[in-house]
Amino acid sequence: MGGVRMRQYQVRETKEIRKITCNKCGKEIPVENGFARAGVFQVDYAWGYFSEKDGQRHSFDLCEACYDELIRSFQIPVEIEG
């Protein structure tokens, strides 16, 4: 039979999370099949022109306990819906 194939495949490169560590306390956050299995607060922020960090991207993860500790220090509480 000619060069026609019934199945065609495309090779894809994928990234899967295998480990998350809280930047504040160092606790490992459980990961299963590429997904966090506990509460994790992820920040990925690109600083803008009017900051002294213009052009920098900061990223970090906090476990739920460290997130709760952080927001307790706020003068104005976090807005929570739901």
N, C-alpha and C. Protein backbone atom coordinates (compact mmCIF):
# COMPACT_ATOMS: atom_id res chain seq x y z
N MET A 1 0.85 -1.17 0.00
CA MET A 1 0.00 0.00 0.00
C MET A 1 0.90 1.24 0.00
N GLY A 2 0.43 2.31 -0.63
CA GLY A 2 1.18 3.55 -0.75
C GLY A 2 1.63 4.10 0.60
N GLY A 3 2.15 5.32 0.62
CA GLY A 3 2.71 5.93 1.81
C GLY A 3 1.68 6.54 2.77
N VAL A 4 0.39 6.25 2.62
CA VAL A 4 -0.64 6.81 3.50
C VAL A 4 -0.70 5.97 4.77
N ARG A 5 -0.69 6.65 5.89
CA ARG A 5 -0.74 5.95 7.17
C ARG A 5 -2.06 6.22 7.85
N MET A 6 -2.58 5.21 8.51
CA MET A 6 -3.85 5.33 9.21
C MET A 6 -3.74 6.24 10.44
N ARG A 7 -2.60 6.18 11.11
CA ARG A 7 -2.42 6.99 12.31
C ARG A 7 -1.21 7.90 12.13
N GLN A 8 -1.42 9.13 12.51
CA GLN A 8 -0.32 10.09 12.47
C GLN A 8 -0.15 10.64 13.88
N TYR A 9 1.08 10.84 14.28
CA TYR A 9 1.37 11.28 15.65
C TYR A 9 2.17 12.57 15.62
N GLN A 10 1.98 13.34 16.67
CA GLN A 10 2.76 14.56 16.86
C GLN A 10 3.46 14.43 18.20
N VAL A 11 4.76 14.62 18.20
CA VAL A 11 5.52 14.57 19.44
C VAL A 11 5.43 15.93 20.12
N ARG A 12 5.05 15.92 21.40
CA ARG A 12 4.92 17.17 22.15
C ARG A 12 5.81 17.12 23.38
N GLU A 13 6.39 18.24 23.67
CA GLU A 13 7.17 18.36 24.90
C GLU A 13 6.27 19.02 25.94
N THR A 14 6.11 18.37 27.08
CA THR A 14 5.26 18.94 28.13
C THR A 14 6.06 19.04 29.42
N LYS A 15 5.67 20.02 30.23
CA LYS A 15 6.27 20.18 31.54
C LYS A 15 5.23 19.78 32.57
N GLU A 16 5.62 18.97 33.52
CA GLU A 16 4.72 18.53 34.56
C GLU A 16 5.37 18.82 35.91
N ILE A 17 4.60 19.41 36.81
CA ILE A 17 5.12 19.70 38.15
C ILE A 17 5.39 18.39 38.87
N ARG A 18 6.56 18.26 39.46
CA ARG A 18 6.84 17.06 40.25
C ARG A 18 7.14 17.39 41.70
N LYS A 19 7.43 18.68 41.99
CA LYS A 19 7.72 19.06 43.37
C LYS A 19 7.44 20.56 43.54
N ILE A 20 6.80 20.92 44.67
CA ILE A 20 6.57 22.32 45.03
C ILE A 20 7.04 22.48 46.47
N THR A 21 7.81 23.52 46.71
CA THR A 21 8.30 23.81 48.05
C THR A 21 7.90 25.22 48.43
N CYS A 22 7.35 25.40 49.63
CA CYS A 22 6.97 26.72 50.12
C CYS A 22 8.23 27.56 50.28
N ASN A 23 8.23 28.73 49.65
CA ASN A 23 9.40 29.61 49.73
C ASN A 23 9.64 30.15 51.14
N LYS A 24 8.60 30.25 51.96
CA LYS A 24 8.76 30.84 53.29
C LYS A 24 9.25 29.83 54.32
N CYS A 25 8.55 28.70 54.45
CA CYS A 25 8.90 27.74 55.51
C CYS A 25 9.69 26.53 55.02
N GLY A 26 9.74 26.31 53.70
CA GLY A 26 10.49 25.18 53.16
C GLY A 26 9.72 23.87 53.13
N LYS A 27 8.46 23.89 53.55
CA LYS A 27 7.64 22.67 53.55
C LYS A 27 7.37 22.22 52.12
N GLU A 28 7.47 20.91 51.90
CA GLU A 28 7.13 20.36 50.58
C GLU A 28 5.62 20.21 50.48
N ILE A 29 5.07 20.71 49.39
CA ILE A 29 3.64 20.63 49.14
C ILE A 29 3.41 19.39 48.27
N PRO A 30 2.53 18.48 48.71
CA PRO A 30 2.35 17.23 47.96
C PRO A 30 1.87 17.45 46.53
N VAL A 31 2.45 16.71 45.60
CA VAL A 31 2.09 16.78 44.18
C VAL A 31 1.77 15.36 43.71
N GLU A 32 0.67 15.24 42.97
CA GLU A 32 0.29 13.95 42.41
C GLU A 32 -0.17 14.16 40.98
N ASN A 33 0.40 13.42 40.06
CA ASN A 33 0.07 13.52 38.63
C ASN A 33 0.18 14.95 38.11
N GLY A 34 1.16 15.69 38.61
CA GLY A 34 1.42 17.04 38.12
C GLY A 34 0.57 18.13 38.76
N PHE A 35 -0.24 17.79 39.77
CA PHE A 35 -1.11 18.77 40.41
C PHE A 35 -0.86 18.80 41.91
N ALA A 36 -0.89 20.01 42.49
CA ALA A 36 -0.73 20.17 43.93
C ALA A 36 -1.90 19.49 44.63
N ARG A 37 -1.61 18.75 45.70
CA ARG A 37 -2.64 18.05 46.47
C ARG A 37 -2.89 18.72 47.81
N ALA A 38 -2.52 19.99 47.92
CA ALA A 38 -2.78 20.80 49.11
C ALA A 38 -2.86 22.24 48.63
N GLY A 39 -3.39 23.10 49.49
CA GLY A 39 -3.49 24.50 49.12
C GLY A 39 -2.12 25.12 48.89
N VAL A 40 -1.97 25.82 47.79
CA VAL A 40 -0.71 26.51 47.49
C VAL A 40 -1.05 27.83 46.81
N PHE A 41 -0.42 28.89 47.29
CA PHE A 41 -0.61 30.22 46.72
C PHE A 41 0.58 30.51 45.83
N GLN A 42 0.34 30.66 44.53
CA GLN A 42 1.41 30.86 43.57
C GLN A 42 1.41 32.31 43.11
N VAL A 43 2.59 32.92 43.12
CA VAL A 43 2.75 34.29 42.63
C VAL A 43 3.75 34.25 41.48
N ASP A 44 3.38 34.92 40.40
CA ASP A 44 4.27 35.11 39.25
C ASP A 44 4.00 36.52 38.76
N TYR A 45 4.88 37.44 39.11
CA TYR A 45 4.60 38.86 38.88
C TYR A 45 5.73 39.54 38.14
N ALA A 46 5.37 40.25 37.07
CA ALA A 46 6.35 41.03 36.30
C ALA A 46 6.23 42.48 36.76
N TRP A 47 7.30 43.00 37.34
CA TRP A 47 7.31 44.38 37.82
C TRP A 47 7.30 45.34 36.64
N GLY A 48 6.63 46.46 36.82
CA GLY A 48 6.45 47.42 35.74
C GLY A 48 7.40 48.60 35.79
N TYR A 49 7.19 49.48 34.86
CA TYR A 49 8.05 50.64 34.61
C TYR A 49 8.23 51.53 35.83
N PHE A 50 7.20 51.76 36.62
CA PHE A 50 7.27 52.72 37.71
C PHE A 50 7.79 52.12 39.02
N SER A 51 8.33 50.93 38.97
CA SER A 51 8.92 50.34 40.17
C SER A 51 10.43 50.32 40.04
N GLU A 52 11.09 50.12 41.15
CA GLU A 52 12.55 49.99 41.12
C GLU A 52 12.98 48.60 40.67
N LYS A 53 12.01 47.74 40.39
CA LYS A 53 12.29 46.37 39.91
C LYS A 53 11.85 46.20 38.46
N ASP A 54 11.73 47.29 37.73
CA ASP A 54 11.27 47.27 36.35
C ASP A 54 12.02 46.21 35.54
N GLY A 55 11.25 45.37 34.85
CA GLY A 55 11.84 44.33 34.01
C GLY A 55 12.10 43.03 34.74
N GLN A 56 11.96 43.00 36.07
CA GLN A 56 12.18 41.77 36.82
C GLN A 56 10.87 41.00 36.95
N ARG A 57 10.97 39.69 36.95
CA ARG A 57 9.82 38.81 37.20
C ARG A 57 10.11 38.07 38.50
N HIS A 58 9.21 38.19 39.46
CA HIS A 58 9.34 37.50 40.74
C HIS A 58 8.28 36.40 40.81
N SER A 59 8.68 35.21 41.23
CA SER A 59 7.72 34.12 41.40
C SER A 59 8.07 33.34 42.65
N PHE A 60 7.02 32.91 43.35
CA PHE A 60 7.20 32.09 44.55
C PHE A 60 5.90 31.37 44.88
N ASP A 61 6.02 30.36 45.76
CA ASP A 61 4.88 29.59 46.23
C ASP A 61 4.83 29.65 47.75
N LEU A 62 3.62 29.72 48.29
CA LEU A 62 3.42 29.67 49.73
C LEU A 62 2.45 28.55 50.06
N CYS A 63 2.76 27.77 51.11
CA CYS A 63 1.78 26.79 51.58
C CYS A 63 0.62 27.56 52.22
N GLU A 64 -0.47 26.89 52.47
CA GLU A 64 -1.65 27.57 52.99
C GLU A 64 -1.40 28.21 54.36
N ALA A 65 -0.62 27.55 55.22
CA ALA A 65 -0.34 28.10 56.55
C ALA A 65 0.46 29.41 56.44
N CYS A 66 1.45 29.45 55.56
CA CYS A 66 2.25 30.67 55.39
C CYS A 66 1.43 31.78 54.73
N TYR A 67 0.54 31.41 53.83
CA TYR A 67 -0.36 32.40 53.24
C TYR A 67 -1.24 33.01 54.33
N ASP A 68 -1.83 32.15 55.18
CA ASP A 68 -2.68 32.65 56.26
C ASP A 68 -1.91 33.58 57.19
N GLU A 69 -0.68 33.22 57.50
CA GLU A 69 0.18 34.07 58.35
C GLU A 69 0.43 35.42 57.67
N LEU A 70 0.70 35.40 56.39
CA LEU A 70 0.95 36.63 55.64
C LEU A 70 -0.26 37.56 55.67
N ILE A 71 -1.43 37.03 55.36
CA ILE A 71 -2.59 37.92 55.26
C ILE A 71 -3.06 38.41 56.63
N ARG A 72 -2.74 37.69 57.71
CA ARG A 72 -3.06 38.19 59.05
C ARG A 72 -2.30 39.47 59.36
N SER A 73 -1.18 39.71 58.67
CA SER A 73 -0.38 40.91 58.91
C SER A 73 -0.89 42.12 58.14
N PHE A 74 -1.86 41.95 57.26
CA PHE A 74 -2.37 43.05 56.44
C PHE A 74 -3.16 44.05 57.29
N GLN A 75 -2.98 45.32 57.03
CA GLN A 75 -3.77 46.36 57.67
C GLN A 75 -5.19 46.37 57.12
N ILE A 76 -5.34 46.08 55.85
CA ILE A 76 -6.65 46.00 55.19
C ILE A 76 -6.85 44.53 54.81
N PRO A 77 -7.91 43.91 55.33
CA PRO A 77 -8.10 42.47 55.08
C PRO A 77 -8.28 42.14 53.60
N VAL A 78 -7.92 40.91 53.26
CA VAL A 78 -8.13 40.37 51.92
C VAL A 78 -9.63 40.29 51.67
N GLU A 79 -10.06 40.62 50.46
CA GLU A 79 -11.47 40.44 50.09
C GLU A 79 -11.68 38.99 49.72
N ILE A 80 -12.62 38.36 50.37
CA ILE A 80 -12.90 36.94 50.16
C ILE A 80 -14.34 36.79 49.68
N GLU A 81 -14.52 36.07 48.58
CA GLU A 81 -15.85 35.80 48.04
C GLU A 81 -16.13 34.31 48.14
N GLY A 82 -17.39 33.97 48.28
CA GLY A 82 -17.79 32.57 48.22
C GLY A 82 -17.77 31.84 49.49
